[in-house]
Amino acid sequence: MLDPMESLDEDAKLMLRYRDGDVDAFSALYSRHKGPLYRYLLRQARNAGAAADLFQEVWSRLIATRSRYEARAKFATYLFHIAHNCVVDFFRRDLQIRRTARSEDVYAHSLEPEVPEYQHPDRIAEFAEQQSALLAAVGALPQEQREAFLLHEETGLTIEEIARVTDVGLETAKSRLRYAIRKLKKSLIPAHVPAALPLRTRTI
C-alpha cells in the first residue's frame, strides 16, 4: 500500500515533522523560504521596516497554527497564503503607509545582483541598470498584478496555486499575471531591458 507521505513534497514533510515537535525541521523550512518570502513582502509593502514586521508576523502565524497544519497543498502555497493574508491586514491597518511608501525603499534594500567580479565595469553598470529598471517597473504595477507576478517569479507557484494563495478564481489569477507581464514587457522592451526580465510566460 502506498505511503501517503511519499506523495508529499519535501517541504510539506518538514512541516509535518515540525507540527509533531521537530524544531530542526522548522529551521530547514526557514532557511529555504526566508529569501523569497522577504522579497515578496518587501516589494508588496514597499517599505523595509514594514516588510521586516510582516516577515516576523508570517512566521509567528505559522508557528501559532502549526498544530492545525494539514498537507493539502505544497508548503509554499500554505506559507504564501499566510503571507498574503498578512499583507492584506497590513494595508487595512494603515492605508496611509500604502499611499506614502516610496518605491525606492524597496530597491535600496533589495538583495544585490550576483555579478561575477571579473566582469568589465561597464557590463556591471549595465546589469545594475537593467535590474533597477525591472524593479521600478514591478513597483509600478497595480498591487494585485504585482502580487501575482511576484508569487510566480519569486516562488515558482503555478496559476492554480496563486489563485489558492490569493483566494480568487483561476481565471482572475491568470488575468492578473497576464496583464502584469504585458505591462512589464511594454515598459522594459523599449528601454532595452529584456535580459533582466526572466518571465515564465509558457504557463500562462
N, C-alpha and C. Protein backbone atom coordinates (compact mmCIF):
# COMPACT_ATOMS: atom_id res chain seq x y z
N MET A 1 0.84 -1.19 0.00
CA MET A 1 0.00 0.00 0.00
C MET A 1 0.88 1.25 0.00
N LEU A 2 0.55 2.25 -0.83
CA LEU A 2 1.36 3.45 -0.96
C LEU A 2 1.29 4.30 0.30
N ASP A 3 2.45 4.67 0.79
CA ASP A 3 2.54 5.54 1.96
C ASP A 3 2.16 6.96 1.52
N PRO A 4 1.14 7.59 2.15
CA PRO A 4 0.74 8.96 1.77
C PRO A 4 1.89 9.95 1.84
N MET A 5 2.84 9.73 2.74
CA MET A 5 3.96 10.64 2.88
C MET A 5 4.82 10.70 1.63
N GLU A 6 4.83 9.60 0.86
CA GLU A 6 5.68 9.55 -0.32
C GLU A 6 5.23 10.53 -1.39
N SER A 7 3.96 10.91 -1.41
CA SER A 7 3.44 11.82 -2.43
C SER A 7 3.63 13.29 -2.06
N LEU A 8 4.11 13.58 -0.85
CA LEU A 8 4.26 14.95 -0.40
C LEU A 8 5.60 15.52 -0.85
N ASP A 9 5.64 16.83 -1.08
CA ASP A 9 6.92 17.46 -1.38
C ASP A 9 7.73 17.55 -0.10
N GLU A 10 9.03 17.76 -0.25
CA GLU A 10 9.93 17.71 0.90
C GLU A 10 9.57 18.75 1.96
N ASP A 11 9.15 19.93 1.52
CA ASP A 11 8.79 20.98 2.48
C ASP A 11 7.56 20.58 3.30
N ALA A 12 6.59 19.95 2.67
CA ALA A 12 5.40 19.51 3.40
C ALA A 12 5.77 18.47 4.45
N LYS A 13 6.69 17.60 4.10
CA LYS A 13 7.15 16.59 5.07
C LYS A 13 7.84 17.27 6.25
N LEU A 14 8.64 18.29 5.94
CA LEU A 14 9.31 19.02 7.02
C LEU A 14 8.29 19.71 7.93
N MET A 15 7.25 20.30 7.33
CA MET A 15 6.24 20.99 8.14
C MET A 15 5.48 20.01 9.01
N LEU A 16 5.21 18.83 8.50
CA LEU A 16 4.55 17.82 9.32
C LEU A 16 5.44 17.40 10.49
N ARG A 17 6.72 17.29 10.21
CA ARG A 17 7.66 16.95 11.30
C ARG A 17 7.69 18.07 12.34
N TYR A 18 7.68 19.32 11.86
CA TYR A 18 7.68 20.45 12.80
C TYR A 18 6.38 20.47 13.60
N ARG A 19 5.26 20.21 12.94
CA ARG A 19 3.97 20.14 13.63
C ARG A 19 4.01 19.14 14.77
N ASP A 20 4.78 18.05 14.56
CA ASP A 20 4.86 16.99 15.56
C ASP A 20 6.01 17.19 16.54
N GLY A 21 6.65 18.38 16.49
CA GLY A 21 7.64 18.70 17.51
C GLY A 21 9.08 18.74 17.10
N ASP A 22 9.39 18.56 15.83
CA ASP A 22 10.78 18.56 15.36
C ASP A 22 11.21 20.00 15.04
N VAL A 23 11.93 20.63 15.96
CA VAL A 23 12.35 22.03 15.78
C VAL A 23 13.34 22.17 14.64
N ASP A 24 14.17 21.16 14.42
CA ASP A 24 15.14 21.23 13.33
C ASP A 24 14.44 21.31 11.97
N ALA A 25 13.27 20.71 11.87
CA ALA A 25 12.51 20.77 10.61
C ALA A 25 12.09 22.21 10.32
N PHE A 26 11.72 22.95 11.37
CA PHE A 26 11.37 24.36 11.18
C PHE A 26 12.58 25.15 10.70
N SER A 27 13.73 24.90 11.26
CA SER A 27 14.94 25.60 10.85
C SER A 27 15.23 25.39 9.37
N ALA A 28 15.01 24.17 8.90
CA ALA A 28 15.23 23.88 7.49
C ALA A 28 14.24 24.64 6.61
N LEU A 29 12.97 24.68 7.01
CA LEU A 29 11.95 25.42 6.26
C LEU A 29 12.27 26.90 6.22
N TYR A 30 12.68 27.43 7.35
CA TYR A 30 13.01 28.86 7.44
C TYR A 30 14.16 29.20 6.49
N SER A 31 15.20 28.37 6.50
CA SER A 31 16.36 28.62 5.64
C SER A 31 15.98 28.58 4.16
N ARG A 32 15.09 27.69 3.80
CA ARG A 32 14.71 27.53 2.39
C ARG A 32 13.84 28.68 1.89
N HIS A 33 13.01 29.22 2.74
CA HIS A 33 11.96 30.14 2.26
C HIS A 33 12.14 31.59 2.72
N LYS A 34 13.11 31.87 3.57
CA LYS A 34 13.22 33.23 4.10
C LYS A 34 13.52 34.25 3.00
N GLY A 35 14.36 33.90 2.02
CA GLY A 35 14.71 34.85 0.97
C GLY A 35 13.53 35.23 0.08
N PRO A 36 12.88 34.25 -0.57
CA PRO A 36 11.72 34.56 -1.40
C PRO A 36 10.60 35.24 -0.62
N LEU A 37 10.38 34.81 0.63
CA LEU A 37 9.31 35.41 1.43
C LEU A 37 9.60 36.88 1.73
N TYR A 38 10.82 37.18 2.14
CA TYR A 38 11.15 38.57 2.46
C TYR A 38 11.06 39.46 1.23
N ARG A 39 11.56 38.98 0.08
CA ARG A 39 11.50 39.79 -1.14
C ARG A 39 10.05 40.05 -1.54
N TYR A 40 9.21 39.04 -1.41
CA TYR A 40 7.78 39.20 -1.71
C TYR A 40 7.17 40.28 -0.82
N LEU A 41 7.43 40.20 0.48
CA LEU A 41 6.86 41.16 1.43
C LEU A 41 7.42 42.56 1.21
N LEU A 42 8.71 42.65 0.90
CA LEU A 42 9.35 43.95 0.69
C LEU A 42 8.76 44.65 -0.53
N ARG A 43 8.56 43.91 -1.59
CA ARG A 43 8.06 44.52 -2.82
C ARG A 43 6.55 44.72 -2.78
N GLN A 44 5.88 44.08 -1.85
CA GLN A 44 4.46 44.35 -1.64
C GLN A 44 4.29 45.58 -0.75
N ALA A 45 4.96 45.61 0.37
CA ALA A 45 4.81 46.72 1.31
C ALA A 45 5.54 47.97 0.83
N ARG A 46 6.61 47.77 0.08
CA ARG A 46 7.44 48.87 -0.43
C ARG A 46 7.96 49.76 0.70
N ASN A 47 8.29 49.12 1.80
CA ASN A 47 8.84 49.80 2.95
C ASN A 47 9.60 48.75 3.76
N ALA A 48 10.90 48.99 3.96
CA ALA A 48 11.74 47.96 4.58
C ALA A 48 11.31 47.64 6.01
N GLY A 49 10.94 48.67 6.79
CA GLY A 49 10.52 48.43 8.16
C GLY A 49 9.24 47.61 8.22
N ALA A 50 8.27 47.97 7.38
CA ALA A 50 7.01 47.22 7.34
C ALA A 50 7.25 45.80 6.90
N ALA A 51 8.15 45.61 5.91
CA ALA A 51 8.44 44.26 5.42
C ALA A 51 9.04 43.40 6.52
N ALA A 52 9.93 43.98 7.32
CA ALA A 52 10.54 43.23 8.42
C ALA A 52 9.48 42.82 9.44
N ASP A 53 8.55 43.73 9.74
CA ASP A 53 7.47 43.40 10.68
C ASP A 53 6.58 42.30 10.12
N LEU A 54 6.25 42.41 8.84
CA LEU A 54 5.41 41.39 8.20
C LEU A 54 6.11 40.04 8.17
N PHE A 55 7.41 40.05 7.92
CA PHE A 55 8.20 38.82 7.89
C PHE A 55 8.08 38.09 9.22
N GLN A 56 8.22 38.83 10.32
CA GLN A 56 8.08 38.22 11.63
C GLN A 56 6.65 37.75 11.88
N GLU A 57 5.68 38.52 11.39
CA GLU A 57 4.28 38.16 11.59
C GLU A 57 3.92 36.86 10.87
N VAL A 58 4.43 36.70 9.66
CA VAL A 58 4.14 35.48 8.89
C VAL A 58 4.65 34.25 9.63
N TRP A 59 5.91 34.30 10.06
CA TRP A 59 6.47 33.14 10.76
C TRP A 59 5.78 32.93 12.10
N SER A 60 5.39 34.01 12.76
CA SER A 60 4.68 33.88 14.05
C SER A 60 3.34 33.19 13.85
N ARG A 61 2.62 33.56 12.77
CA ARG A 61 1.33 32.92 12.49
C ARG A 61 1.52 31.45 12.15
N LEU A 62 2.58 31.15 11.38
CA LEU A 62 2.83 29.75 11.04
C LEU A 62 3.10 28.94 12.30
N ILE A 63 3.91 29.48 13.18
CA ILE A 63 4.23 28.78 14.44
C ILE A 63 2.98 28.60 15.29
N ALA A 64 2.16 29.66 15.37
CA ALA A 64 0.97 29.61 16.22
C ALA A 64 -0.06 28.60 15.72
N THR A 65 -0.10 28.36 14.42
CA THR A 65 -1.12 27.48 13.84
C THR A 65 -0.56 26.12 13.42
N ARG A 66 0.66 25.81 13.79
CA ARG A 66 1.31 24.59 13.31
C ARG A 66 0.54 23.32 13.68
N SER A 67 -0.13 23.35 14.82
CA SER A 67 -0.83 22.13 15.25
C SER A 67 -2.01 21.80 14.34
N ARG A 68 -2.49 22.78 13.56
CA ARG A 68 -3.63 22.55 12.67
C ARG A 68 -3.19 22.29 11.22
N TYR A 69 -1.90 22.22 10.99
CA TYR A 69 -1.41 22.08 9.62
C TYR A 69 -1.78 20.71 9.04
N GLU A 70 -2.26 20.72 7.80
CA GLU A 70 -2.52 19.51 7.04
C GLU A 70 -1.93 19.70 5.65
N ALA A 71 -1.25 18.70 5.16
CA ALA A 71 -0.54 18.80 3.88
C ALA A 71 -1.51 18.62 2.72
N ARG A 72 -2.35 19.63 2.48
CA ARG A 72 -3.32 19.55 1.39
C ARG A 72 -2.79 20.15 0.09
N ALA A 73 -1.69 20.89 0.19
CA ALA A 73 -1.09 21.53 -0.99
C ALA A 73 0.40 21.68 -0.71
N LYS A 74 1.13 22.23 -1.67
CA LYS A 74 2.55 22.49 -1.46
C LYS A 74 2.73 23.42 -0.26
N PHE A 75 3.82 23.21 0.47
CA PHE A 75 4.08 24.07 1.62
C PHE A 75 4.20 25.53 1.20
N ALA A 76 4.80 25.80 0.04
CA ALA A 76 4.95 27.18 -0.42
C ALA A 76 3.58 27.84 -0.58
N THR A 77 2.60 27.09 -1.06
CA THR A 77 1.25 27.62 -1.18
C THR A 77 0.69 27.99 0.19
N TYR A 78 0.90 27.12 1.16
CA TYR A 78 0.45 27.36 2.53
C TYR A 78 1.14 28.59 3.12
N LEU A 79 2.45 28.67 2.97
CA LEU A 79 3.21 29.77 3.54
C LEU A 79 2.81 31.11 2.92
N PHE A 80 2.69 31.14 1.59
CA PHE A 80 2.39 32.41 0.94
C PHE A 80 0.91 32.79 1.06
N HIS A 81 0.07 31.84 1.38
CA HIS A 81 -1.31 32.20 1.72
C HIS A 81 -1.33 32.97 3.04
N ILE A 82 -0.53 32.51 4.00
CA ILE A 82 -0.38 33.26 5.26
C ILE A 82 0.18 34.64 4.97
N ALA A 83 1.21 34.70 4.13
CA ALA A 83 1.84 35.98 3.80
C ALA A 83 0.86 36.92 3.12
N HIS A 84 0.06 36.39 2.19
CA HIS A 84 -0.95 37.20 1.51
C HIS A 84 -1.92 37.81 2.53
N ASN A 85 -2.39 36.99 3.47
CA ASN A 85 -3.32 37.49 4.48
C ASN A 85 -2.68 38.55 5.37
N CYS A 86 -1.40 38.38 5.67
CA CYS A 86 -0.70 39.38 6.47
C CYS A 86 -0.58 40.70 5.71
N VAL A 87 -0.32 40.62 4.42
CA VAL A 87 -0.21 41.84 3.60
C VAL A 87 -1.57 42.55 3.53
N VAL A 88 -2.64 41.77 3.33
CA VAL A 88 -3.98 42.35 3.29
C VAL A 88 -4.29 43.05 4.60
N ASP A 89 -3.98 42.41 5.72
CA ASP A 89 -4.22 43.01 7.03
C ASP A 89 -3.37 44.27 7.21
N PHE A 90 -2.15 44.23 6.71
CA PHE A 90 -1.26 45.39 6.82
C PHE A 90 -1.86 46.60 6.12
N PHE A 91 -2.36 46.41 4.89
CA PHE A 91 -2.93 47.53 4.16
C PHE A 91 -4.23 48.02 4.81
N ARG A 92 -4.98 47.11 5.38
CA ARG A 92 -6.20 47.51 6.07
C ARG A 92 -5.90 48.31 7.33
N ARG A 93 -4.84 47.92 8.03
CA ARG A 93 -4.50 48.60 9.29
C ARG A 93 -4.01 50.03 9.05
N ASP A 94 -3.29 50.21 7.99
CA ASP A 94 -2.68 51.52 7.79
C ASP A 94 -2.60 51.85 6.31
N LEU A 95 -3.68 52.36 5.74
CA LEU A 95 -3.71 52.70 4.33
C LEU A 95 -2.76 53.85 4.02
N GLN A 96 -2.47 54.67 4.99
CA GLN A 96 -1.58 55.80 4.75
C GLN A 96 -0.18 55.34 4.36
N ILE A 97 0.26 54.21 4.92
CA ILE A 97 1.57 53.68 4.55
C ILE A 97 1.59 53.34 3.08
N ARG A 98 0.49 52.76 2.59
CA ARG A 98 0.42 52.38 1.18
C ARG A 98 0.49 53.60 0.27
N ARG A 99 -0.10 54.71 0.71
CA ARG A 99 -0.11 55.91 -0.12
C ARG A 99 1.25 56.60 -0.14
N THR A 100 1.95 56.57 0.99
CA THR A 100 3.16 57.37 1.12
C THR A 100 4.46 56.59 0.96
N ALA A 101 4.38 55.24 1.02
CA ALA A 101 5.61 54.46 0.90
C ALA A 101 6.29 54.76 -0.43
N ARG A 102 7.53 55.03 -0.40
CA ARG A 102 8.27 55.36 -1.60
C ARG A 102 8.91 54.11 -2.16
N SER A 103 8.73 53.90 -3.46
CA SER A 103 9.20 52.66 -4.07
C SER A 103 10.70 52.50 -3.96
N GLU A 104 11.46 53.62 -3.84
CA GLU A 104 12.91 53.46 -3.78
C GLU A 104 13.36 52.77 -2.51
N ASP A 105 12.51 52.72 -1.45
CA ASP A 105 12.88 51.97 -0.26
C ASP A 105 13.12 50.52 -0.58
N VAL A 106 12.32 50.00 -1.52
CA VAL A 106 12.46 48.60 -1.91
C VAL A 106 13.79 48.37 -2.58
N TYR A 107 14.11 49.24 -3.50
CA TYR A 107 15.29 49.00 -4.32
C TYR A 107 16.57 49.20 -3.52
N ALA A 108 16.53 50.12 -2.54
CA ALA A 108 17.72 50.36 -1.74
C ALA A 108 18.02 49.17 -0.84
N HIS A 109 16.98 48.40 -0.47
CA HIS A 109 17.17 47.28 0.45
C HIS A 109 17.08 45.92 -0.23
N SER A 110 16.90 45.89 -1.54
CA SER A 110 16.83 44.62 -2.24
C SER A 110 18.20 43.96 -2.24
N LEU A 111 18.21 42.66 -2.43
CA LEU A 111 19.47 41.94 -2.49
C LEU A 111 20.28 42.40 -3.68
N GLU A 112 21.58 42.52 -3.51
CA GLU A 112 22.44 42.94 -4.60
C GLU A 112 22.49 41.85 -5.65
N PRO A 113 22.47 42.21 -6.96
CA PRO A 113 22.56 41.20 -8.01
C PRO A 113 23.91 40.50 -7.95
N GLU A 114 23.92 39.21 -8.20
CA GLU A 114 25.14 38.43 -8.18
C GLU A 114 25.85 38.58 -9.51
N VAL A 115 26.90 39.39 -9.53
CA VAL A 115 27.65 39.66 -10.75
C VAL A 115 29.08 39.18 -10.56
N PRO A 116 29.58 38.33 -11.45
CA PRO A 116 30.96 37.85 -11.33
C PRO A 116 31.94 39.02 -11.26
N GLU A 117 32.93 38.92 -10.38
CA GLU A 117 33.86 40.01 -10.15
C GLU A 117 34.71 40.33 -11.37
N TYR A 118 34.93 39.30 -12.24
CA TYR A 118 35.83 39.52 -13.36
C TYR A 118 35.17 40.31 -14.49
N GLN A 119 33.88 40.55 -14.40
CA GLN A 119 33.21 41.24 -15.49
C GLN A 119 33.69 42.69 -15.59
N HIS A 120 33.65 43.21 -16.79
CA HIS A 120 34.05 44.59 -17.05
C HIS A 120 33.11 45.54 -16.32
N PRO A 121 33.62 46.64 -15.77
CA PRO A 121 32.76 47.59 -15.04
C PRO A 121 31.57 48.09 -15.86
N ASP A 122 31.76 48.26 -17.16
CA ASP A 122 30.65 48.72 -17.99
C ASP A 122 29.52 47.70 -18.00
N ARG A 123 29.88 46.41 -18.02
CA ARG A 123 28.86 45.34 -18.03
C ARG A 123 28.14 45.30 -16.69
N ILE A 124 28.88 45.51 -15.61
CA ILE A 124 28.27 45.53 -14.28
C ILE A 124 27.28 46.68 -14.17
N ALA A 125 27.67 47.83 -14.65
CA ALA A 125 26.79 49.00 -14.60
C ALA A 125 25.54 48.77 -15.43
N GLU A 126 25.71 48.14 -16.59
CA GLU A 126 24.56 47.86 -17.46
C GLU A 126 23.60 46.90 -16.78
N PHE A 127 24.15 45.86 -16.14
CA PHE A 127 23.32 44.88 -15.46
C PHE A 127 22.54 45.53 -14.32
N ALA A 128 23.24 46.39 -13.53
CA ALA A 128 22.59 47.08 -12.42
C ALA A 128 21.47 47.98 -12.92
N GLU A 129 21.70 48.62 -14.05
CA GLU A 129 20.67 49.50 -14.63
C GLU A 129 19.45 48.69 -15.05
N GLN A 130 19.69 47.52 -15.63
CA GLN A 130 18.59 46.65 -16.04
C GLN A 130 17.77 46.20 -14.83
N GLN A 131 18.46 45.79 -13.77
CA GLN A 131 17.76 45.34 -12.57
C GLN A 131 16.96 46.47 -11.95
N SER A 132 17.53 47.66 -11.94
CA SER A 132 16.82 48.81 -11.39
C SER A 132 15.55 49.11 -12.19
N ALA A 133 15.67 49.01 -13.52
CA ALA A 133 14.51 49.26 -14.37
C ALA A 133 13.43 48.21 -14.14
N LEU A 134 13.84 46.96 -13.97
CA LEU A 134 12.87 45.89 -13.72
C LEU A 134 12.15 46.11 -12.39
N LEU A 135 12.91 46.41 -11.35
CA LEU A 135 12.30 46.61 -10.04
C LEU A 135 11.37 47.81 -10.03
N ALA A 136 11.76 48.86 -10.75
CA ALA A 136 10.89 50.04 -10.83
C ALA A 136 9.60 49.71 -11.55
N ALA A 137 9.69 48.92 -12.63
CA ALA A 137 8.50 48.54 -13.39
C ALA A 137 7.59 47.65 -12.55
N VAL A 138 8.17 46.72 -11.79
CA VAL A 138 7.37 45.86 -10.92
C VAL A 138 6.69 46.70 -9.84
N GLY A 139 7.41 47.67 -9.28
CA GLY A 139 6.85 48.51 -8.25
C GLY A 139 5.70 49.37 -8.74
N ALA A 140 5.68 49.65 -10.04
CA ALA A 140 4.63 50.50 -10.61
C ALA A 140 3.36 49.72 -10.96
N LEU A 141 3.41 48.40 -10.89
CA LEU A 141 2.22 47.60 -11.20
C LEU A 141 1.14 47.80 -10.15
N PRO A 142 -0.14 47.66 -10.52
CA PRO A 142 -1.21 47.62 -9.51
C PRO A 142 -0.93 46.49 -8.51
N GLN A 143 -1.35 46.68 -7.28
CA GLN A 143 -0.98 45.76 -6.21
C GLN A 143 -1.33 44.30 -6.52
N GLU A 144 -2.52 44.04 -7.05
CA GLU A 144 -2.92 42.66 -7.30
C GLU A 144 -2.09 42.02 -8.41
N GLN A 145 -1.76 42.81 -9.44
CA GLN A 145 -0.93 42.30 -10.53
C GLN A 145 0.50 42.08 -10.04
N ARG A 146 0.99 43.01 -9.22
CA ARG A 146 2.35 42.87 -8.68
C ARG A 146 2.45 41.60 -7.83
N GLU A 147 1.42 41.35 -7.03
CA GLU A 147 1.44 40.16 -6.18
C GLU A 147 1.46 38.89 -7.01
N ALA A 148 0.62 38.83 -8.04
CA ALA A 148 0.59 37.64 -8.91
C ALA A 148 1.95 37.42 -9.56
N PHE A 149 2.56 38.51 -10.04
CA PHE A 149 3.86 38.40 -10.68
C PHE A 149 4.93 37.92 -9.70
N LEU A 150 4.96 38.51 -8.50
CA LEU A 150 5.97 38.12 -7.52
C LEU A 150 5.80 36.68 -7.07
N LEU A 151 4.57 36.25 -6.87
CA LEU A 151 4.33 34.86 -6.48
C LEU A 151 4.80 33.90 -7.57
N HIS A 152 4.61 34.31 -8.82
CA HIS A 152 5.01 33.47 -9.95
C HIS A 152 6.52 33.43 -10.11
N GLU A 153 7.16 34.60 -10.01
CA GLU A 153 8.59 34.69 -10.28
C GLU A 153 9.45 34.34 -9.07
N GLU A 154 9.07 34.79 -7.89
CA GLU A 154 9.89 34.56 -6.71
C GLU A 154 9.79 33.13 -6.20
N THR A 155 8.61 32.53 -6.31
CA THR A 155 8.39 31.22 -5.70
C THR A 155 8.13 30.12 -6.70
N GLY A 156 7.84 30.49 -7.97
CA GLY A 156 7.55 29.48 -8.98
C GLY A 156 6.19 28.83 -8.82
N LEU A 157 5.27 29.48 -8.10
CA LEU A 157 3.94 28.92 -7.94
C LEU A 157 3.21 28.89 -9.28
N THR A 158 2.38 27.90 -9.48
CA THR A 158 1.57 27.80 -10.69
C THR A 158 0.38 28.75 -10.59
N ILE A 159 -0.33 28.92 -11.71
CA ILE A 159 -1.52 29.77 -11.71
C ILE A 159 -2.53 29.25 -10.68
N GLU A 160 -2.71 27.93 -10.65
CA GLU A 160 -3.67 27.33 -9.71
C GLU A 160 -3.27 27.64 -8.27
N GLU A 161 -1.98 27.57 -7.97
CA GLU A 161 -1.51 27.83 -6.61
C GLU A 161 -1.63 29.31 -6.26
N ILE A 162 -1.37 30.19 -7.23
CA ILE A 162 -1.54 31.62 -6.99
C ILE A 162 -3.00 31.94 -6.68
N ALA A 163 -3.91 31.31 -7.43
CA ALA A 163 -5.34 31.52 -7.17
C ALA A 163 -5.69 31.08 -5.75
N ARG A 164 -5.12 29.97 -5.31
CA ARG A 164 -5.40 29.46 -3.97
C ARG A 164 -4.81 30.39 -2.91
N VAL A 165 -3.60 30.87 -3.14
CA VAL A 165 -2.95 31.77 -2.18
C VAL A 165 -3.75 33.05 -2.00
N THR A 166 -4.24 33.62 -3.11
CA THR A 166 -4.89 34.93 -3.06
C THR A 166 -6.40 34.86 -2.97
N ASP A 167 -6.95 33.66 -2.87
CA ASP A 167 -8.39 33.47 -2.69
C ASP A 167 -9.21 34.05 -3.84
N VAL A 168 -8.75 33.81 -5.07
CA VAL A 168 -9.50 34.25 -6.25
C VAL A 168 -9.66 33.06 -7.19
N GLY A 169 -10.51 33.26 -8.22
CA GLY A 169 -10.71 32.21 -9.20
C GLY A 169 -9.50 32.04 -10.10
N LEU A 170 -9.43 30.90 -10.78
CA LEU A 170 -8.31 30.60 -11.66
C LEU A 170 -8.17 31.64 -12.77
N GLU A 171 -9.28 32.00 -13.40
CA GLU A 171 -9.22 32.96 -14.49
C GLU A 171 -8.79 34.35 -14.02
N THR A 172 -9.19 34.72 -12.81
CA THR A 172 -8.77 36.01 -12.26
C THR A 172 -7.26 36.04 -12.03
N ALA A 173 -6.73 34.96 -11.45
CA ALA A 173 -5.28 34.88 -11.22
C ALA A 173 -4.53 34.90 -12.54
N LYS A 174 -5.04 34.16 -13.51
CA LYS A 174 -4.40 34.12 -14.82
C LYS A 174 -4.41 35.48 -15.48
N SER A 175 -5.53 36.19 -15.37
CA SER A 175 -5.66 37.51 -15.97
C SER A 175 -4.71 38.50 -15.32
N ARG A 176 -4.60 38.46 -13.99
CA ARG A 176 -3.70 39.38 -13.29
C ARG A 176 -2.26 39.17 -13.72
N LEU A 177 -1.86 37.92 -13.82
CA LEU A 177 -0.48 37.64 -14.21
C LEU A 177 -0.23 38.04 -15.66
N ARG A 178 -1.19 37.77 -16.52
CA ARG A 178 -1.05 38.12 -17.93
C ARG A 178 -0.91 39.62 -18.11
N TYR A 179 -1.76 40.39 -17.42
CA TYR A 179 -1.68 41.85 -17.52
C TYR A 179 -0.36 42.37 -16.96
N ALA A 180 0.10 41.77 -15.86
CA ALA A 180 1.37 42.19 -15.26
C ALA A 180 2.52 42.00 -16.24
N ILE A 181 2.58 40.84 -16.85
CA ILE A 181 3.65 40.54 -17.80
C ILE A 181 3.57 41.46 -19.01
N ARG A 182 2.36 41.68 -19.49
CA ARG A 182 2.18 42.57 -20.65
C ARG A 182 2.68 43.98 -20.33
N LYS A 183 2.34 44.49 -19.14
CA LYS A 183 2.76 45.84 -18.77
C LYS A 183 4.27 45.92 -18.58
N LEU A 184 4.86 44.87 -17.99
CA LEU A 184 6.30 44.88 -17.78
C LEU A 184 7.04 44.84 -19.12
N LYS A 185 6.57 44.03 -20.04
CA LYS A 185 7.22 43.98 -21.35
C LYS A 185 7.11 45.32 -22.05
N LYS A 186 5.95 45.94 -21.96
CA LYS A 186 5.75 47.23 -22.60
C LYS A 186 6.67 48.28 -21.98
N SER A 187 6.89 48.20 -20.69
CA SER A 187 7.74 49.17 -20.01
C SER A 187 9.22 48.94 -20.28
N LEU A 188 9.63 47.68 -20.40
CA LEU A 188 11.04 47.36 -20.42
C LEU A 188 11.64 47.18 -21.80
N ILE A 189 10.88 46.60 -22.73
CA ILE A 189 11.46 46.31 -24.04
C ILE A 189 11.91 47.57 -24.77
N PRO A 190 11.13 48.66 -24.76
CA PRO A 190 11.62 49.87 -25.42
C PRO A 190 12.90 50.42 -24.79
N ALA A 191 13.10 50.10 -23.50
CA ALA A 191 14.30 50.57 -22.82
C ALA A 191 15.45 49.57 -22.93
N HIS A 192 15.27 48.53 -23.76
CA HIS A 192 16.32 47.52 -23.99
C HIS A 192 16.68 46.79 -22.70
N VAL A 193 15.66 46.29 -22.00
CA VAL A 193 15.91 45.58 -20.75
C VAL A 193 15.37 44.15 -20.78
N PRO A 194 15.24 43.48 -21.93
CA PRO A 194 14.65 42.15 -21.92
C PRO A 194 15.48 41.13 -21.15
N ALA A 195 16.80 41.33 -21.07
CA ALA A 195 17.64 40.36 -20.38
C ALA A 195 17.34 40.30 -18.89
N ALA A 196 16.78 41.37 -18.34
CA ALA A 196 16.52 41.41 -16.90
C ALA A 196 15.12 40.95 -16.56
N LEU A 197 14.40 40.36 -17.52
CA LEU A 197 13.02 40.00 -17.31
C LEU A 197 12.81 38.52 -17.57
N PRO A 198 13.15 37.63 -16.60
CA PRO A 198 13.03 36.19 -16.79
C PRO A 198 11.61 35.71 -16.58
N LEU A 199 10.66 36.10 -17.47
CA LEU A 199 9.27 35.78 -17.26
C LEU A 199 8.95 34.34 -17.69
N ARG A 200 8.09 33.68 -16.89
CA ARG A 200 7.67 32.32 -17.20
C ARG A 200 6.37 32.37 -18.01
N THR A 201 6.44 32.85 -19.21
CA THR A 201 5.23 33.08 -19.98
C THR A 201 4.61 31.79 -20.53
N ARG A 202 5.35 30.71 -20.52
CA ARG A 202 4.80 29.49 -21.11
C ARG A 202 3.63 28.92 -20.33
N THR A 203 3.53 29.27 -19.05
CA THR A 203 2.48 28.69 -18.21
C THR A 203 1.19 29.49 -18.25
N ILE A 204 1.18 30.59 -18.98
CA ILE A 204 0.01 31.46 -18.97
C ILE A 204 -0.85 31.22 -20.20
